[in-house]
Amino acid sequence: EGKPSPATFLCALARLRERVPDLAAEHCLVVEDSRAGIEAARRAGMRCLAVTNSYAAEALADADLVVRSLEEVGWERLEALF
């Protein structure tokens, strides 16, 4: 299934749980650049950081954090998401 299905993110979580068994979806961060991707992250129960590669910031407002470039994201901003 394609986005906004959360299947891809849930599959990734299942694979991560092979190494970190107690990893919770809400402790995962998805990096996306589309509205469908943000919706998929939400459906998976994960946090979402959106980069304005494909859409304007206003269109990506449902993400937890929207940036123009990953260069804007430091440890403090990531930590604040959780």
N, C-alpha and C. Protein backbone atom coordinates (compact mmCIF):
# COMPACT_ATOMS: atom_id res chain seq x y z
N GLU A 1 0.84 -1.19 0.00
CA GLU A 1 0.00 0.00 0.00
C GLU A 1 0.88 1.25 0.00
N GLY A 2 0.41 2.26 -0.67
CA GLY A 2 1.13 3.53 -0.69
C GLY A 2 0.64 4.44 0.42
N LYS A 3 1.32 5.54 0.57
CA LYS A 3 0.91 6.54 1.55
C LYS A 3 -0.42 7.14 1.12
N PRO A 4 -1.32 7.44 2.01
CA PRO A 4 -1.13 7.62 3.44
C PRO A 4 -1.27 6.37 4.30
N SER A 5 -1.19 5.19 3.71
CA SER A 5 -1.19 3.98 4.53
C SER A 5 0.07 3.99 5.41
N PRO A 6 -0.07 3.63 6.67
CA PRO A 6 1.09 3.59 7.55
C PRO A 6 1.91 2.31 7.42
N ALA A 7 1.56 1.44 6.49
CA ALA A 7 2.18 0.11 6.40
C ALA A 7 3.71 0.16 6.33
N THR A 8 4.26 1.06 5.53
CA THR A 8 5.72 1.14 5.39
C THR A 8 6.38 1.50 6.71
N PHE A 9 5.81 2.47 7.41
CA PHE A 9 6.38 2.89 8.69
C PHE A 9 6.21 1.82 9.75
N LEU A 10 5.09 1.12 9.74
CA LEU A 10 4.87 0.05 10.70
C LEU A 10 5.80 -1.13 10.42
N CYS A 11 6.10 -1.38 9.16
CA CYS A 11 7.06 -2.42 8.80
C CYS A 11 8.45 -2.05 9.30
N ALA A 12 8.83 -0.80 9.12
CA ALA A 12 10.13 -0.33 9.62
C ALA A 12 10.20 -0.46 11.14
N LEU A 13 9.11 -0.14 11.82
CA LEU A 13 9.07 -0.28 13.27
C LEU A 13 9.25 -1.74 13.68
N ALA A 14 8.59 -2.64 12.98
CA ALA A 14 8.73 -4.07 13.29
C ALA A 14 10.18 -4.52 13.13
N ARG A 15 10.84 -4.03 12.09
CA ARG A 15 12.25 -4.38 11.87
C ARG A 15 13.14 -3.80 12.98
N LEU A 16 12.86 -2.56 13.37
CA LEU A 16 13.64 -1.95 14.45
C LEU A 16 13.44 -2.69 15.76
N ARG A 17 12.24 -3.20 15.97
CA ARG A 17 11.95 -3.94 17.21
C ARG A 17 12.72 -5.25 17.30
N GLU A 18 13.26 -5.73 16.20
CA GLU A 18 14.12 -6.91 16.25
C GLU A 18 15.38 -6.62 17.07
N ARG A 19 15.79 -5.36 17.08
CA ARG A 19 16.97 -4.95 17.84
C ARG A 19 16.63 -4.21 19.12
N VAL A 20 15.49 -3.52 19.12
CA VAL A 20 15.04 -2.76 20.29
C VAL A 20 13.60 -3.19 20.58
N PRO A 21 13.40 -4.32 21.26
CA PRO A 21 12.07 -4.91 21.41
C PRO A 21 11.00 -4.01 22.01
N ASP A 22 11.38 -3.12 22.90
CA ASP A 22 10.37 -2.28 23.55
C ASP A 22 10.20 -0.91 22.89
N LEU A 23 10.70 -0.75 21.68
CA LEU A 23 10.56 0.53 20.98
C LEU A 23 9.10 0.82 20.67
N ALA A 24 8.64 1.98 21.08
CA ALA A 24 7.25 2.38 20.84
C ALA A 24 7.17 3.30 19.63
N ALA A 25 6.06 3.23 18.93
CA ALA A 25 5.87 4.07 17.74
C ALA A 25 6.03 5.55 18.07
N GLU A 26 5.53 5.96 19.22
CA GLU A 26 5.61 7.38 19.58
C GLU A 26 7.03 7.85 19.86
N HIS A 27 7.98 6.93 19.91
CA HIS A 27 9.39 7.28 20.09
C HIS A 27 10.15 7.29 18.77
N CYS A 28 9.41 7.18 17.66
CA CYS A 28 10.01 7.19 16.33
C CYS A 28 9.74 8.52 15.64
N LEU A 29 10.66 8.93 14.80
CA LEU A 29 10.52 10.16 14.04
C LEU A 29 10.58 9.85 12.55
N VAL A 30 9.57 10.28 11.84
CA VAL A 30 9.51 10.14 10.39
C VAL A 30 9.90 11.48 9.78
N VAL A 31 10.76 11.45 8.77
CA VAL A 31 11.11 12.66 8.03
C VAL A 31 10.39 12.56 6.69
N GLU A 32 9.57 13.56 6.40
CA GLU A 32 8.70 13.52 5.22
C GLU A 32 8.74 14.85 4.48
N ASP A 33 8.23 14.83 3.24
CA ASP A 33 8.10 16.07 2.48
C ASP A 33 6.75 16.14 1.77
N SER A 34 5.79 15.33 2.23
CA SER A 34 4.47 15.35 1.59
C SER A 34 3.36 15.24 2.61
N ARG A 35 2.20 15.72 2.23
CA ARG A 35 1.03 15.63 3.11
C ARG A 35 0.65 14.18 3.35
N ALA A 36 0.70 13.35 2.31
CA ALA A 36 0.36 11.94 2.47
C ALA A 36 1.33 11.25 3.42
N GLY A 37 2.60 11.61 3.35
CA GLY A 37 3.59 11.04 4.25
C GLY A 37 3.36 11.43 5.69
N ILE A 38 2.98 12.68 5.90
CA ILE A 38 2.67 13.14 7.26
C ILE A 38 1.47 12.38 7.80
N GLU A 39 0.45 12.20 6.98
CA GLU A 39 -0.73 11.46 7.41
C GLU A 39 -0.37 10.00 7.73
N ALA A 40 0.49 9.40 6.93
CA ALA A 40 0.92 8.03 7.19
C ALA A 40 1.67 7.94 8.52
N ALA A 41 2.53 8.91 8.80
CA ALA A 41 3.25 8.93 10.08
C ALA A 41 2.26 9.04 11.24
N ARG A 42 1.29 9.92 11.10
CA ARG A 42 0.27 10.09 12.14
C ARG A 42 -0.50 8.78 12.38
N ARG A 43 -0.89 8.13 11.28
CA ARG A 43 -1.64 6.87 11.39
C ARG A 43 -0.80 5.78 12.06
N ALA A 44 0.52 5.87 11.90
CA ALA A 44 1.42 4.90 12.52
C ALA A 44 1.70 5.25 13.98
N GLY A 45 1.25 6.42 14.42
CA GLY A 45 1.47 6.85 15.80
C GLY A 45 2.85 7.43 16.03
N MET A 46 3.49 7.90 14.96
CA MET A 46 4.85 8.42 15.05
C MET A 46 4.90 9.94 14.92
N ARG A 47 5.96 10.52 15.43
CA ARG A 47 6.21 11.94 15.26
C ARG A 47 6.65 12.18 13.81
N CYS A 48 6.50 13.43 13.36
CA CYS A 48 6.86 13.71 11.97
C CYS A 48 7.54 15.07 11.84
N LEU A 49 8.67 15.07 11.16
CA LEU A 49 9.39 16.27 10.79
C LEU A 49 9.22 16.42 9.28
N ALA A 50 8.73 17.55 8.85
CA ALA A 50 8.50 17.77 7.42
C ALA A 50 9.50 18.78 6.87
N VAL A 51 9.99 18.48 5.67
CA VAL A 51 10.92 19.36 4.96
C VAL A 51 10.19 19.90 3.73
N THR A 52 10.29 21.20 3.53
CA THR A 52 9.54 21.86 2.45
C THR A 52 10.21 21.69 1.09
N ASN A 53 10.46 20.46 0.69
CA ASN A 53 11.01 20.19 -0.64
C ASN A 53 9.94 20.26 -1.71
N SER A 54 8.78 19.70 -1.41
CA SER A 54 7.71 19.54 -2.40
C SER A 54 6.52 20.45 -2.19
N TYR A 55 6.29 20.85 -0.96
CA TYR A 55 5.12 21.66 -0.61
C TYR A 55 5.55 22.83 0.27
N ALA A 56 4.71 23.85 0.28
CA ALA A 56 4.95 25.00 1.16
C ALA A 56 4.72 24.58 2.61
N ALA A 57 5.32 25.33 3.52
CA ALA A 57 5.20 25.02 4.95
C ALA A 57 3.75 24.94 5.40
N GLU A 58 2.90 25.80 4.86
CA GLU A 58 1.49 25.80 5.26
C GLU A 58 0.81 24.48 4.94
N ALA A 59 1.19 23.86 3.84
CA ALA A 59 0.59 22.58 3.43
C ALA A 59 1.07 21.42 4.30
N LEU A 60 2.17 21.62 5.01
CA LEU A 60 2.76 20.56 5.83
C LEU A 60 2.54 20.81 7.32
N ALA A 61 1.64 21.70 7.64
CA ALA A 61 1.45 22.16 9.02
C ALA A 61 1.04 21.07 9.99
N ASP A 62 0.56 19.92 9.51
CA ASP A 62 0.17 18.85 10.42
C ASP A 62 1.37 18.10 11.01
N ALA A 63 2.55 18.37 10.50
CA ALA A 63 3.76 17.75 11.05
C ALA A 63 4.09 18.38 12.40
N ASP A 64 4.86 17.67 13.20
CA ASP A 64 5.28 18.20 14.50
C ASP A 64 6.26 19.36 14.35
N LEU A 65 7.04 19.32 13.28
CA LEU A 65 8.01 20.37 13.00
C LEU A 65 8.17 20.48 11.49
N VAL A 66 8.18 21.70 10.98
CA VAL A 66 8.37 21.94 9.55
C VAL A 66 9.61 22.81 9.38
N VAL A 67 10.51 22.38 8.49
CA VAL A 67 11.75 23.12 8.23
C VAL A 67 11.98 23.22 6.73
N ARG A 68 12.79 24.18 6.33
CA ARG A 68 13.16 24.32 4.92
C ARG A 68 14.28 23.37 4.55
N SER A 69 15.12 23.07 5.52
CA SER A 69 16.28 22.21 5.29
C SER A 69 16.60 21.45 6.57
N LEU A 70 17.14 20.26 6.42
CA LEU A 70 17.55 19.50 7.60
C LEU A 70 18.69 20.19 8.34
N GLU A 71 19.36 21.11 7.68
CA GLU A 71 20.41 21.88 8.35
C GLU A 71 19.85 22.71 9.50
N GLU A 72 18.55 22.98 9.48
CA GLU A 72 17.90 23.75 10.54
C GLU A 72 17.64 22.92 11.79
N VAL A 73 17.85 21.62 11.70
CA VAL A 73 17.46 20.72 12.79
C VAL A 73 18.69 20.29 13.57
N GLY A 74 18.77 20.77 14.79
CA GLY A 74 19.83 20.35 15.69
C GLY A 74 19.26 19.44 16.77
N TRP A 75 20.15 18.97 17.62
CA TRP A 75 19.74 18.06 18.68
C TRP A 75 18.63 18.65 19.55
N GLU A 76 18.74 19.92 19.89
CA GLU A 76 17.74 20.54 20.77
C GLU A 76 16.35 20.53 20.14
N ARG A 77 16.26 20.79 18.86
CA ARG A 77 14.95 20.78 18.18
C ARG A 77 14.39 19.37 18.13
N LEU A 78 15.24 18.39 17.88
CA LEU A 78 14.78 17.00 17.86
C LEU A 78 14.31 16.57 19.24
N GLU A 79 15.08 16.90 20.24
CA GLU A 79 14.73 16.53 21.61
C GLU A 79 13.41 17.15 22.02
N ALA A 80 13.13 18.35 21.57
CA ALA A 80 11.88 19.04 21.92
C ALA A 80 10.65 18.34 21.33
N LEU A 81 10.83 17.54 20.29
CA LEU A 81 9.71 16.81 19.70
C LEU A 81 9.21 15.69 20.59
N PHE A 82 10.05 15.25 21.51
CA PHE A 82 9.69 14.13 22.36
C PHE A 82 9.56 14.57 23.80
